[in-house]
Amino acid sequence: MASVPIASPVAPLAAALPALSDARLAALTAELAELAEDYDRTPRFPREAFDVLAREGLIGLTVEPRLGGGGAGFVDALKVLGAVAKGEPSTALILFMTYAFHAAPDKNKRWNRALYEGLAQEAAQGRGLIGTFRVEPELGTPVRGGLPKTIARRTADGWSISGEKIYSTGSSGLDWFAVWARTDEETPRVGTFLVRPDSAGITIEPEWDHLGMRATVSHRVVFADTPTPGDHAVDVRSPEEWAPRPGDDNRAGLWNAFAIATIYDGVAQAARDWLVRYLNDRVPANLGAPLASLPRVQEKVGEIEGLLLANRVLIDQAAAAADAGRVPDGVQANLVKHVANANAIRAVEIGLELTGNPGISRRNPLERHYRDVLCSRIHSPQADTVLVAAGRAALSEGAAQ
């Protein structure tokens, strides 16, 4: 199995969680920001960034303490994700998948316990990055329904997996693939098959060449009779069993909504910080004073501050409520994501309006931040799904009154 090389000894996670000071996280942001432009210009898996996270003992932050992790809930884990995203957002998107995986212990009831604990201990030691591969060329995202074309066939030694996954975040640098597939049984079951990246029959086709978030290396991954042990079919059920039911634990959905909102808010915060420095440093000859002295500029920066404050309040309150057991439903969680992402995009757009040509020049990072923040729109569930669900819920509630 591939593993993430660790640049220096891993910090003990028992000490990592209490030490998440603002100063420590600001230093982490600054260190990762030094890597961001290079990752954007020459896209590759952000190995050096994960060396930093491993050194800081932050990869296993949501692993339960008895397995060596930090036991972090939403508030603390999102605090770290936000700091990482402000420095290098592709790294944060890859990291979030591992955080969410270990923060949902309910699903591990279906797993082989020894297998899961091995993955958890890897993460606590600074390795064990895991990504879920669900999207396919024909199916698209399973969020919109349908069975995957990727097939898992029974063999004498376990399972053989064949199919293609696209937009496979972290593809070339992960330690584990969690592959969404259906069985070849007469009545197919659907679920997650755990696969080692160095297994036979895996090809990574380097086709990720997107507007932003370029170091996520979300390439196409092809499986051709790829073997995996029998107990690596870790959560396989009938399609009906995957349908949401009242009272189901919604932490996986919360993690997706809150983490995506946090990551792109981090991008907008980075853009805001650059913009403030630029406006204070830029002194046009015809003005004789910094652009920051103009009332119009002050008004627009104030608008940015309002958008980012709304994001912080929205995300922080939702995360704190979830940690306290007041779990938002799926509609509310996805509205947090939708509103925060829209605010983040608008905040960066205002920066472009204020800077003109320098803002869209590749010599300045605002152009990169804008490309990155626009990628918030593509994460499932997308705006139409979120708003239709929210509208239906409100109209149903009104009809019942």
Protein backbone atom coordinates (compact mmCIF):
# COMPACT_ATOMS: atom_id res chain seq x y z
CA MET A 1 0.00 0.00 0.00
CA ALA A 2 1.23 3.45 -0.84
CA SER A 3 1.84 5.65 2.16
CA VAL A 4 2.34 9.34 2.68
CA PRO A 5 6.00 10.04 3.46
CA ILE A 6 6.41 11.96 6.68
CA ALA A 7 8.98 14.74 6.66
CA SER A 8 9.53 14.67 10.41
CA PRO A 9 8.23 12.76 13.46
CA VAL A 10 4.48 12.97 13.89
CA ALA A 11 3.21 15.13 16.73
CA PRO A 12 1.23 13.12 19.29
CA LEU A 13 -2.45 13.60 18.54
CA ALA A 14 -3.33 13.60 22.21
CA ALA A 15 -1.57 16.96 22.38
CA ALA A 16 -2.69 18.19 18.95
CA LEU A 17 -6.33 18.96 19.67
CA PRO A 18 -5.90 21.27 22.70
CA ALA A 19 -3.11 23.10 20.87
CA LEU A 20 -5.23 24.40 17.99
CA SER A 21 -4.45 28.00 18.81
CA ASP A 22 -5.09 30.81 16.35
CA ALA A 23 -1.34 31.43 16.13
CA ARG A 24 -0.61 27.81 15.31
CA LEU A 25 -3.30 27.70 12.64
CA ALA A 26 -2.13 31.00 11.14
CA ALA A 27 1.39 29.57 10.86
CA LEU A 28 -0.05 26.46 9.18
CA THR A 29 -1.94 28.63 6.69
CA ALA A 30 1.17 30.63 5.86
CA GLU A 31 3.29 27.51 5.33
CA LEU A 32 0.73 25.92 3.02
CA ALA A 33 0.19 29.18 1.12
CA GLU A 34 3.84 29.06 0.06
CA LEU A 35 2.98 25.92 -1.96
CA ALA A 36 -0.32 27.00 -3.50
CA GLU A 37 0.83 28.86 -6.60
CA ASP A 38 3.19 26.07 -7.63
CA TYR A 39 0.43 23.46 -7.24
CA ASP A 40 -1.82 25.61 -9.43
CA ARG A 41 0.81 26.17 -12.13
CA THR A 42 2.10 22.57 -12.18
CA PRO A 43 -0.82 20.51 -10.86
CA ARG A 44 0.13 17.45 -8.84
CA PHE A 45 -0.91 15.74 -5.64
CA PRO A 46 0.01 18.11 -2.77
CA ARG A 47 2.45 15.71 -1.14
CA GLU A 48 4.50 18.40 0.60
CA ALA A 49 1.34 19.87 2.12
CA PHE A 50 0.40 16.50 3.57
CA ASP A 51 3.92 16.12 4.93
CA VAL A 52 3.25 19.33 6.86
CA LEU A 53 -0.11 18.04 8.14
CA ALA A 54 1.45 14.73 9.17
CA ARG A 55 4.23 16.56 10.99
CA GLU A 56 1.62 18.57 12.87
CA GLY A 57 -0.35 15.45 13.81
CA LEU A 58 -3.51 16.68 12.07
CA ILE A 59 -4.41 13.91 9.62
CA GLY A 60 -6.06 11.73 12.27
CA LEU A 61 -7.78 14.61 14.02
CA THR A 62 -11.26 13.03 13.92
CA VAL A 63 -10.11 9.51 14.81
CA GLU A 64 -11.36 8.46 18.24
CA PRO A 65 -8.76 8.94 21.02
CA ARG A 66 -8.56 5.26 21.97
CA LEU A 67 -7.13 4.60 18.48
CA GLY A 68 -4.62 7.44 18.78
CA GLY A 69 -6.66 10.23 17.23
CA GLY A 70 -7.76 13.64 18.39
CA GLY A 71 -11.47 12.86 18.68
CA ALA A 72 -12.35 16.23 17.15
CA GLY A 73 -15.93 17.18 16.44
CA PHE A 74 -17.23 19.58 13.82
CA VAL A 75 -16.03 22.78 15.47
CA ASP A 76 -12.38 21.80 15.87
CA ALA A 77 -12.06 19.87 12.62
CA LEU A 78 -13.64 22.68 10.60
CA LYS A 79 -11.30 25.13 12.29
CA VAL A 80 -8.37 23.14 10.91
CA LEU A 81 -9.96 22.66 7.49
CA GLY A 82 -10.55 26.41 7.23
CA ALA A 83 -6.93 27.17 8.05
CA VAL A 84 -5.70 24.61 5.52
CA ALA A 85 -8.08 25.89 2.84
CA LYS A 86 -7.00 29.48 3.37
CA GLY A 87 -3.46 28.35 2.57
CA GLU A 88 -4.00 25.62 -0.05
CA PRO A 89 -7.63 24.60 -0.70
CA SER A 90 -7.00 21.46 -2.76
CA THR A 91 -5.23 19.97 0.24
CA ALA A 92 -8.24 20.81 2.40
CA LEU A 93 -10.66 19.11 0.01
CA ILE A 94 -8.62 15.90 0.07
CA LEU A 95 -8.18 16.08 3.85
CA PHE A 96 -11.90 16.56 4.44
CA MET A 97 -12.66 13.11 3.02
CA THR A 98 -10.47 11.44 5.65
CA TYR A 99 -11.90 13.62 8.43
CA ALA A 100 -15.48 12.80 7.45
CA PHE A 101 -14.71 9.11 7.12
CA HIS A 102 -13.44 8.78 10.68
CA ALA A 103 -16.00 11.16 12.15
CA ALA A 104 -18.91 8.84 11.27
CA PRO A 105 -18.44 5.88 13.64
CA ASP A 106 -22.01 4.69 13.10
CA LYS A 107 -21.13 3.31 9.70
CA ASN A 108 -18.29 1.31 11.16
CA LYS A 109 -20.81 -1.02 12.79
CA ARG A 110 -21.05 -2.69 9.39
CA TRP A 111 -17.30 -2.95 8.94
CA ASN A 112 -14.85 -5.60 9.97
CA ARG A 113 -13.73 -3.90 13.19
CA ALA A 114 -10.07 -4.88 12.92
CA LEU A 115 -9.94 -3.57 9.36
CA TYR A 116 -11.44 -0.22 10.38
CA GLU A 117 -9.17 0.16 13.40
CA GLY A 118 -6.15 -0.42 11.17
CA LEU A 119 -7.24 2.45 8.92
CA ALA A 120 -7.86 4.68 11.92
CA GLN A 121 -4.43 3.99 13.39
CA GLU A 122 -2.80 4.76 10.03
CA ALA A 123 -4.49 8.17 10.00
CA ALA A 124 -3.39 8.82 13.59
CA GLN A 125 0.18 8.09 12.49
CA GLY A 126 0.02 10.61 9.63
CA ARG A 127 -0.94 8.35 6.73
CA GLY A 128 -4.16 6.54 5.78
CA LEU A 129 -5.67 9.13 3.42
CA ILE A 130 -8.93 7.76 2.04
CA GLY A 131 -11.21 8.96 -0.73
CA THR A 132 -14.64 7.83 -1.84
CA PHE A 133 -14.98 7.28 -5.60
CA ARG A 134 -18.65 7.50 -6.62
CA VAL A 135 -19.02 9.53 -9.82
CA GLU A 136 -19.07 7.74 -13.19
CA PRO A 137 -19.06 8.87 -16.84
CA GLU A 138 -22.61 7.62 -17.49
CA LEU A 139 -24.24 7.74 -14.05
CA GLY A 140 -22.79 11.04 -12.93
CA THR A 141 -23.17 11.47 -9.19
CA PRO A 142 -25.28 8.87 -7.34
CA VAL A 143 -26.93 11.72 -5.41
CA ARG A 144 -29.31 12.04 -8.36
CA GLY A 145 -30.17 8.32 -8.33
CA GLY A 146 -29.31 5.20 -10.32
CA LEU A 147 -27.07 2.17 -9.93
CA PRO A 148 -23.32 2.39 -10.62
CA LYS A 149 -21.96 0.68 -13.69
CA THR A 150 -18.85 -0.36 -11.73
CA ILE A 151 -19.29 -4.04 -10.87
CA ALA A 152 -17.88 -6.17 -8.04
CA ARG A 153 -17.78 -9.87 -8.89
CA ARG A 154 -17.31 -12.67 -6.38
CA THR A 155 -14.05 -14.62 -6.65
CA ALA A 156 -12.50 -17.44 -4.67
CA ASP A 157 -10.41 -14.88 -2.75
CA GLY A 158 -12.89 -12.05 -2.37
CA TRP A 159 -14.02 -9.58 -5.03
CA SER A 160 -12.95 -8.43 -8.49
CA ILE A 161 -13.88 -4.85 -9.41
CA SER A 162 -14.26 -3.44 -12.91
CA GLY A 163 -15.41 0.01 -13.94
CA GLU A 164 -14.46 3.67 -14.20
CA LYS A 165 -14.67 6.54 -11.74
CA ILE A 166 -14.27 10.19 -12.70
CA TYR A 167 -13.61 13.29 -10.56
CA SER A 168 -11.73 11.01 -8.16
CA THR A 169 -10.40 13.55 -5.68
CA GLY A 170 -6.89 12.82 -4.47
CA SER A 171 -6.51 9.94 -6.93
CA SER A 172 -2.75 9.67 -7.27
CA GLY A 173 -1.82 10.27 -3.62
CA LEU A 174 -4.40 8.41 -1.53
CA ASP A 175 -3.64 5.39 0.62
CA TRP A 176 -7.10 3.86 0.19
CA PHE A 177 -9.86 3.99 -2.42
CA ALA A 178 -13.45 3.55 -1.19
CA VAL A 179 -15.16 2.48 -4.43
CA TRP A 180 -18.93 2.69 -4.92
CA ALA A 181 -19.99 -0.38 -6.91
CA ARG A 182 -22.79 -2.88 -7.40
CA THR A 183 -22.49 -6.62 -7.10
CA ASP A 184 -23.07 -9.04 -9.99
CA GLU A 185 -25.57 -11.01 -7.92
CA GLU A 186 -29.01 -11.86 -9.31
CA THR A 187 -30.41 -9.15 -7.05
CA PRO A 188 -27.61 -6.56 -7.04
CA ARG A 189 -26.45 -4.93 -3.85
CA VAL A 190 -24.69 -1.57 -3.79
CA GLY A 191 -22.04 -0.11 -1.57
CA THR A 192 -18.43 0.57 -0.67
CA PHE A 193 -15.51 -1.69 -1.52
CA LEU A 194 -12.17 -0.79 0.00
CA VAL A 195 -9.27 -1.05 -2.45
CA ARG A 196 -5.54 -0.49 -2.07
CA PRO A 197 -4.18 1.85 -4.76
CA ASP A 198 -1.30 -0.51 -5.54
CA SER A 199 -3.67 -3.39 -6.37
CA ALA A 200 -3.48 -4.98 -9.82
CA GLY A 201 -5.64 -3.67 -12.63
CA ILE A 202 -5.79 0.01 -11.63
CA THR A 203 -5.00 2.75 -14.13
CA ILE A 204 -5.09 6.44 -13.30
CA GLU A 205 -5.79 8.49 -16.42
CA PRO A 206 -4.50 12.06 -15.84
CA GLU A 207 -7.41 14.01 -17.31
CA TRP A 208 -8.10 16.54 -14.52
CA ASP A 209 -7.45 19.94 -16.13
CA HIS A 210 -10.02 22.22 -14.56
CA LEU A 211 -10.51 25.91 -13.93
CA GLY A 212 -9.39 25.71 -10.29
CA MET A 213 -8.63 23.39 -7.36
CA ARG A 214 -6.07 21.85 -9.67
CA ALA A 215 -4.01 20.01 -7.04
CA THR A 216 -6.98 17.80 -6.14
CA VAL A 217 -5.77 15.65 -9.08
CA SER A 218 -9.35 14.44 -9.53
CA HIS A 219 -8.44 12.12 -12.38
CA ARG A 220 -10.28 9.20 -13.98
CA VAL A 221 -9.52 5.91 -12.23
CA VAL A 222 -10.10 2.69 -14.18
CA PHE A 223 -10.48 -0.70 -12.49
CA ALA A 224 -9.98 -3.82 -14.62
CA ASP A 225 -10.63 -7.00 -12.61
CA THR A 226 -9.00 -5.35 -9.62
CA PRO A 227 -8.86 -7.78 -6.69
CA THR A 228 -9.78 -6.93 -3.11
CA PRO A 229 -10.30 -9.25 -0.11
CA GLY A 230 -13.76 -10.43 0.88
CA ASP A 231 -13.89 -8.39 4.09
CA HIS A 232 -13.09 -5.23 2.11
CA ALA A 233 -16.72 -5.12 0.97
CA VAL A 234 -17.21 -2.93 3.97
CA ASP A 235 -20.75 -1.64 3.56
CA VAL A 236 -22.82 -3.33 0.85
CA ARG A 237 -26.63 -3.23 1.00
CA SER A 238 -29.70 -3.52 -1.19
CA PRO A 239 -30.46 -0.24 -2.99
CA GLU A 240 -33.57 0.17 -0.84
CA GLU A 241 -31.50 0.12 2.34
CA TRP A 242 -29.59 3.20 1.18
CA ALA A 243 -32.77 5.29 0.99
CA PRO A 244 -32.90 7.92 3.77
CA ARG A 245 -35.24 7.15 6.65
CA PRO A 246 -36.55 9.33 9.47
CA GLY A 247 -34.15 9.18 12.39
CA ASP A 248 -31.12 8.19 10.28
CA ASP A 249 -27.78 9.61 11.37
CA ASN A 250 -27.06 12.45 8.95
CA ARG A 251 -23.44 13.13 9.92
CA ALA A 252 -22.08 12.17 6.50
CA GLY A 253 -24.33 14.79 4.91
CA LEU A 254 -23.39 17.34 7.55
CA TRP A 255 -19.70 16.77 6.94
CA ASN A 256 -20.12 17.27 3.22
CA ALA A 257 -22.15 20.47 3.65
CA PHE A 258 -20.12 22.05 6.44
CA ALA A 259 -16.71 21.11 5.03
CA ILE A 260 -17.44 22.39 1.52
CA ALA A 261 -18.77 25.64 2.98
CA THR A 262 -15.68 25.97 5.19
CA ILE A 263 -13.18 25.24 2.42
CA TYR A 264 -14.49 27.84 0.00
CA ASP A 265 -14.97 30.37 2.77
CA GLY A 266 -11.25 29.83 3.45
CA VAL A 267 -10.51 30.68 -0.19
CA ALA A 268 -12.54 33.88 0.12
CA GLN A 269 -10.72 34.82 3.32
CA ALA A 270 -7.38 34.42 1.56
CA ALA A 271 -8.65 36.66 -1.25
CA ARG A 272 -9.83 39.23 1.27
CA ASP A 273 -6.45 39.34 3.01
CA TRP A 274 -4.59 39.85 -0.27
CA LEU A 275 -7.06 42.54 -1.34
CA VAL A 276 -6.68 44.51 1.89
CA ARG A 277 -2.89 44.53 1.51
CA TYR A 278 -3.16 45.56 -2.15
CA LEU A 279 -5.56 48.42 -1.45
CA ASN A 280 -3.33 49.76 1.31
CA ASP A 281 -0.16 49.47 -0.78
CA ARG A 282 -1.49 50.83 -4.10
CA VAL A 283 -1.03 54.59 -4.33
CA PRO A 284 -2.13 55.95 -7.75
CA ALA A 285 -0.16 59.01 -8.89
CA ASN A 286 -3.32 61.03 -9.49
CA LEU A 287 -4.61 60.28 -5.99
CA GLY A 288 -1.50 60.63 -3.89
CA ALA A 289 -2.99 58.32 -1.25
CA PRO A 290 -3.71 54.60 -1.00
CA LEU A 291 -6.81 53.22 -2.68
CA ALA A 292 -7.86 52.18 0.82
CA SER A 293 -8.54 55.84 1.61
CA LEU A 294 -11.42 56.10 -0.89
CA PRO A 295 -14.95 55.91 0.60
CA ARG A 296 -16.16 53.77 -2.32
CA VAL A 297 -13.39 51.25 -1.68
CA GLN A 298 -14.12 51.25 2.03
CA GLU A 299 -17.81 50.59 1.31
CA LYS A 300 -17.06 47.61 -0.95
CA VAL A 301 -14.57 46.12 1.50
CA GLY A 302 -17.24 46.55 4.15
CA GLU A 303 -19.55 44.51 1.96
CA ILE A 304 -16.94 41.76 1.81
CA GLU A 305 -16.61 41.87 5.59
CA GLY A 306 -20.37 41.45 5.93
CA LEU A 307 -20.44 38.42 3.62
CA LEU A 308 -17.57 36.70 5.43
CA LEU A 309 -19.00 37.51 8.85
CA ALA A 310 -22.29 35.93 7.78
CA ASN A 311 -20.37 32.82 6.72
CA ARG A 312 -18.49 32.57 9.99
CA VAL A 313 -21.65 32.93 12.06
CA LEU A 314 -23.61 30.52 9.87
CA ILE A 315 -20.99 27.76 9.78
CA ASP A 316 -19.81 28.16 13.38
CA GLN A 317 -23.32 28.07 14.83
CA ALA A 318 -24.34 25.06 12.74
CA ALA A 319 -21.16 23.19 13.70
CA ALA A 320 -21.56 23.99 17.40
CA ALA A 321 -25.19 22.89 17.32
CA ALA A 322 -24.25 19.58 15.67
CA ASP A 323 -21.52 18.95 18.26
CA ALA A 324 -24.08 19.62 20.99
CA GLY A 325 -26.47 17.06 19.55
CA ARG A 326 -28.82 19.57 17.91
CA VAL A 327 -28.24 18.09 14.49
CA PRO A 328 -29.60 20.15 11.57
CA ASP A 329 -31.62 18.22 9.03
CA GLY A 330 -30.31 17.71 5.50
CA VAL A 331 -32.22 20.64 4.07
CA GLN A 332 -30.77 23.06 6.63
CA ALA A 333 -27.24 21.70 6.31
CA ASN A 334 -27.27 22.02 2.53
CA LEU A 335 -28.63 25.56 2.77
CA VAL A 336 -25.62 26.43 4.94
CA LYS A 337 -23.40 25.15 2.14
CA HIS A 338 -25.34 26.95 -0.58
CA VAL A 339 -25.46 30.33 1.16
CA ALA A 340 -21.85 30.22 2.35
CA ASN A 341 -20.58 29.32 -1.11
CA ALA A 342 -22.59 32.10 -2.74
CA ASN A 343 -21.23 34.57 -0.20
CA ALA A 344 -17.67 33.38 -0.82
CA ILE A 345 -18.00 33.80 -4.57
CA ARG A 346 -19.49 37.27 -4.22
CA ALA A 347 -16.78 38.33 -1.79
CA VAL A 348 -14.04 37.45 -4.29
CA GLU A 349 -15.97 39.04 -7.17
CA ILE A 350 -16.07 42.34 -5.28
CA GLY A 351 -12.29 42.14 -5.00
CA LEU A 352 -12.05 41.79 -8.77
CA GLU A 353 -14.34 44.80 -9.24
CA LEU A 354 -12.05 46.90 -7.05
CA THR A 355 -8.76 45.84 -8.61
CA GLY A 356 -9.52 45.71 -12.32
CA ASN A 357 -6.74 44.30 -14.48
CA PRO A 358 -4.36 43.52 -11.59
CA GLY A 359 -7.05 41.30 -10.07
CA ILE A 360 -7.19 39.04 -13.11
CA SER A 361 -3.46 39.00 -13.73
CA ARG A 362 -1.75 35.69 -13.00
CA ARG A 363 1.02 37.56 -11.21
CA ASN A 364 -1.46 38.20 -8.38
CA PRO A 365 -3.17 35.43 -6.36
CA LEU A 366 -6.66 36.98 -6.56
CA GLU A 367 -7.08 35.44 -10.01
CA ARG A 368 -6.31 31.98 -8.59
CA HIS A 369 -8.60 32.51 -5.62
CA TYR A 370 -11.44 33.42 -7.99
CA ARG A 371 -10.93 30.29 -10.09
CA ASP A 372 -10.82 28.16 -6.95
CA VAL A 373 -13.91 29.68 -5.34
CA LEU A 374 -15.99 29.16 -8.49
CA CYS A 375 -15.44 25.42 -8.08
CA SER A 376 -17.74 25.53 -5.05
CA ARG A 377 -20.70 25.39 -7.43
CA ILE A 378 -20.00 21.87 -8.68
CA HIS A 379 -20.10 19.99 -5.37
CA SER A 380 -23.10 17.76 -4.76
CA PRO A 381 -25.80 18.45 -3.90
CA GLN A 382 -25.80 21.33 -6.34
CA ALA A 383 -27.87 24.49 -6.11
CA ASP A 384 -30.96 23.20 -7.92
CA THR A 385 -31.21 20.14 -5.69
CA VAL A 386 -30.65 22.16 -2.52
CA LEU A 387 -33.18 24.87 -3.36
CA VAL A 388 -35.88 22.51 -4.64
CA ALA A 389 -35.61 20.48 -1.42
CA ALA A 390 -35.77 23.62 0.72
CA GLY A 391 -38.73 24.97 -1.22
CA ARG A 392 -40.64 21.71 -0.98
CA ALA A 393 -40.00 21.49 2.76
CA ALA A 394 -41.25 25.05 3.32
CA LEU A 395 -44.33 24.56 1.14
CA SER A 396 -45.18 21.25 2.79
CA GLU A 397 -44.87 22.82 6.22
CA GLY A 398 -47.09 25.69 5.15
CA ALA A 399 -49.74 23.35 3.76
CA ALA A 400 -49.85 21.44 7.04
CA GLN A 401 -50.56 24.54 9.12
